[in-house]
Amino acid sequence: MISGIIMGVLGTWQIIVILLVVLLLFGGKKIPELMKGLGKGIKEFKDGMSGDADNQNDKDRDKPESRP
């Protein structure tokens, strides 16, 4: 779905030019490092989001019930 939207806005030649500019700016060795860092960041974000939900449930269970 997203690729269809992107392809509708950007043509094949524009995408190729953008990729070449990125390759020239960062170099061939730096791009895999950037992608690895991006992947780790996304993984940590997902773990943090699921961890927050788990931590909230744990806090609710650990909280003593107050009785009036």
N, C-alpha and C. Protein backbone atom coordinates (compact mmCIF):
# COMPACT_ATOMS: atom_id res chain seq x y z
N MET A 1 0.82 -1.18 0.00
CA MET A 1 0.00 0.00 0.00
C MET A 1 0.87 1.25 0.00
N ILE A 2 1.83 1.31 0.91
CA ILE A 2 2.69 2.48 0.99
C ILE A 2 3.55 2.59 -0.26
N SER A 3 4.03 1.46 -0.77
CA SER A 3 4.86 1.51 -1.96
C SER A 3 4.06 2.05 -3.15
N GLY A 4 2.77 1.75 -3.18
CA GLY A 4 1.92 2.29 -4.24
C GLY A 4 1.78 3.79 -4.13
N ILE A 5 1.69 4.28 -2.91
CA ILE A 5 1.58 5.73 -2.70
C ILE A 5 2.88 6.41 -3.09
N ILE A 6 4.00 5.83 -2.67
CA ILE A 6 5.29 6.42 -2.99
C ILE A 6 5.53 6.39 -4.49
N MET A 7 5.22 5.28 -5.11
CA MET A 7 5.42 5.18 -6.55
C MET A 7 4.50 6.14 -7.30
N GLY A 8 3.34 6.46 -6.74
CA GLY A 8 2.45 7.40 -7.39
C GLY A 8 2.99 8.81 -7.33
N VAL A 9 3.72 9.14 -6.26
CA VAL A 9 4.26 10.48 -6.09
C VAL A 9 5.63 10.60 -6.76
N LEU A 10 6.47 9.60 -6.57
CA LEU A 10 7.81 9.62 -7.13
C LEU A 10 7.92 8.59 -8.24
N GLY A 11 8.53 9.01 -9.33
CA GLY A 11 8.75 8.08 -10.43
C GLY A 11 10.00 7.26 -10.20
N THR A 12 10.22 6.31 -11.08
CA THR A 12 11.37 5.42 -10.97
C THR A 12 12.68 6.20 -11.02
N TRP A 13 12.78 7.15 -11.92
CA TRP A 13 14.02 7.92 -12.06
C TRP A 13 14.29 8.79 -10.84
N GLN A 14 13.25 9.35 -10.26
CA GLN A 14 13.45 10.16 -9.06
C GLN A 14 13.97 9.31 -7.91
N ILE A 15 13.44 8.10 -7.76
CA ILE A 15 13.91 7.20 -6.70
C ILE A 15 15.36 6.81 -6.94
N ILE A 16 15.72 6.52 -8.18
CA ILE A 16 17.11 6.16 -8.51
C ILE A 16 18.04 7.32 -8.19
N VAL A 17 17.65 8.54 -8.54
CA VAL A 17 18.48 9.71 -8.26
C VAL A 17 18.64 9.92 -6.76
N ILE A 18 17.56 9.75 -6.01
CA ILE A 18 17.63 9.90 -4.55
C ILE A 18 18.59 8.86 -3.96
N LEU A 19 18.48 7.61 -4.41
CA LEU A 19 19.38 6.56 -3.91
C LEU A 19 20.84 6.84 -4.26
N LEU A 20 21.10 7.36 -5.44
CA LEU A 20 22.46 7.71 -5.82
C LEU A 20 23.01 8.85 -4.97
N VAL A 21 22.19 9.84 -4.68
CA VAL A 21 22.62 10.95 -3.83
C VAL A 21 22.94 10.46 -2.42
N VAL A 22 22.08 9.58 -1.89
CA VAL A 22 22.34 9.02 -0.57
C VAL A 22 23.63 8.22 -0.58
N LEU A 23 23.87 7.44 -1.62
CA LEU A 23 25.10 6.66 -1.75
C LEU A 23 26.32 7.57 -1.82
N LEU A 24 26.22 8.66 -2.56
CA LEU A 24 27.34 9.60 -2.65
C LEU A 24 27.59 10.32 -1.32
N LEU A 25 26.53 10.68 -0.61
CA LEU A 25 26.70 11.41 0.65
C LEU A 25 27.28 10.52 1.75
N PHE A 26 26.78 9.30 1.88
CA PHE A 26 27.17 8.46 3.00
C PHE A 26 28.23 7.42 2.65
N GLY A 27 28.36 7.07 1.41
CA GLY A 27 29.33 6.06 1.02
C GLY A 27 28.78 4.66 1.20
N GLY A 28 29.40 3.72 0.51
CA GLY A 28 28.93 2.34 0.53
C GLY A 28 29.10 1.65 1.87
N LYS A 29 30.12 2.01 2.63
CA LYS A 29 30.38 1.35 3.90
C LYS A 29 29.47 1.88 5.01
N LYS A 30 29.08 3.11 4.92
CA LYS A 30 28.31 3.74 6.00
C LYS A 30 26.83 3.35 5.96
N ILE A 31 26.30 3.08 4.80
CA ILE A 31 24.87 2.80 4.68
C ILE A 31 24.45 1.55 5.47
N PRO A 32 25.18 0.42 5.38
CA PRO A 32 24.78 -0.74 6.22
C PRO A 32 24.83 -0.43 7.71
N GLU A 33 25.80 0.37 8.13
CA GLU A 33 25.87 0.76 9.54
C GLU A 33 24.66 1.59 9.94
N LEU A 34 24.26 2.50 9.07
CA LEU A 34 23.08 3.32 9.35
C LEU A 34 21.82 2.46 9.44
N MET A 35 21.68 1.50 8.53
CA MET A 35 20.50 0.63 8.53
C MET A 35 20.49 -0.27 9.77
N LYS A 36 21.67 -0.74 10.19
CA LYS A 36 21.76 -1.57 11.39
C LYS A 36 21.34 -0.75 12.61
N GLY A 37 21.81 0.48 12.69
CA GLY A 37 21.44 1.35 13.80
C GLY A 37 19.95 1.65 13.80
N LEU A 38 19.40 1.87 12.62
CA LEU A 38 17.97 2.13 12.51
C LEU A 38 17.16 0.92 12.95
N GLY A 39 17.60 -0.27 12.54
CA GLY A 39 16.92 -1.49 12.94
C GLY A 39 16.96 -1.70 14.45
N LYS A 40 18.12 -1.45 15.06
CA LYS A 40 18.25 -1.58 16.52
C LYS A 40 17.35 -0.58 17.23
N GLY A 41 17.29 0.64 16.70
CA GLY A 41 16.44 1.66 17.30
C GLY A 41 14.97 1.28 17.25
N ILE A 42 14.54 0.75 16.12
CA ILE A 42 13.14 0.33 15.99
C ILE A 42 12.84 -0.82 16.93
N LYS A 43 13.79 -1.78 17.03
CA LYS A 43 13.60 -2.92 17.93
C LYS A 43 13.51 -2.46 19.38
N GLU A 44 14.38 -1.55 19.79
CA GLU A 44 14.34 -1.04 21.16
C GLU A 44 13.03 -0.29 21.43
N PHE A 45 12.56 0.45 20.43
CA PHE A 45 11.30 1.18 20.58
C PHE A 45 10.14 0.20 20.78
N LYS A 46 10.09 -0.85 19.96
CA LYS A 46 9.03 -1.85 20.09
C LYS A 46 9.11 -2.54 21.44
N ASP A 47 10.34 -2.90 21.85
CA ASP A 47 10.51 -3.55 23.16
C ASP A 47 10.08 -2.61 24.28
N GLY A 48 10.40 -1.35 24.15
CA GLY A 48 10.02 -0.37 25.15
C GLY A 48 8.52 -0.19 25.23
N MET A 49 7.87 -0.17 24.08
CA MET A 49 6.42 -0.02 24.06
C MET A 49 5.74 -1.23 24.69
N SER A 50 6.18 -2.42 24.36
CA SER A 50 5.58 -3.61 24.96
C SER A 50 5.99 -3.73 26.42
N GLY A 51 7.17 -3.27 26.76
CA GLY A 51 7.63 -3.29 28.14
C GLY A 51 6.84 -2.34 29.01
N ASP A 52 6.47 -1.19 28.48
CA ASP A 52 5.67 -0.23 29.24
C ASP A 52 4.31 -0.82 29.59
N ALA A 53 3.72 -1.51 28.65
CA ALA A 53 2.41 -2.13 28.91
C ALA A 53 2.57 -3.24 29.95
N ASP A 54 3.64 -4.02 29.84
CA ASP A 54 3.87 -5.09 30.81
C ASP A 54 4.16 -4.50 32.18
N ASN A 55 4.96 -3.44 32.24
CA ASN A 55 5.29 -2.82 33.51
C ASN A 55 4.06 -2.23 34.17
N GLN A 56 3.17 -1.64 33.40
CA GLN A 56 1.96 -1.05 33.95
C GLN A 56 1.08 -2.13 34.55
N ASN A 57 0.97 -3.27 33.86
CA ASN A 57 0.18 -4.38 34.39
C ASN A 57 0.80 -4.93 35.66
N ASP A 58 2.13 -5.00 35.72
CA ASP A 58 2.82 -5.48 36.92
C ASP A 58 2.59 -4.52 38.09
N LYS A 59 2.62 -3.22 37.81
CA LYS A 59 2.41 -2.23 38.87
C LYS A 59 0.99 -2.35 39.43
N ASP A 60 0.03 -2.58 38.54
CA ASP A 60 -1.36 -2.72 38.99
C ASP A 60 -1.52 -3.95 39.87
N ARG A 61 -0.83 -5.04 39.54
CA ARG A 61 -0.92 -6.26 40.34
C ARG A 61 -0.22 -6.09 41.68
N ASP A 62 0.90 -5.37 41.69
CA ASP A 62 1.68 -5.22 42.92
C ASP A 62 1.07 -4.20 43.88
N LYS A 63 0.22 -3.32 43.38
CA LYS A 63 -0.36 -2.28 44.20
C LYS A 63 -1.35 -2.90 45.20
N PRO A 64 -1.16 -2.61 46.49
CA PRO A 64 -2.09 -3.16 47.47
C PRO A 64 -3.47 -2.48 47.32
N GLU A 65 -4.47 -3.27 47.57
CA GLU A 65 -5.82 -2.72 47.48
C GLU A 65 -6.11 -1.89 48.71
N SER A 66 -6.63 -0.72 48.50
CA SER A 66 -6.98 0.13 49.65
C SER A 66 -8.43 -0.13 50.03
N ARG A 67 -8.63 -0.35 51.30
CA ARG A 67 -10.00 -0.61 51.77
C ARG A 67 -10.41 0.53 52.69
N PRO A 68 -11.58 1.05 52.47
CA PRO A 68 -12.04 2.18 53.29
C PRO A 68 -12.46 1.77 54.68
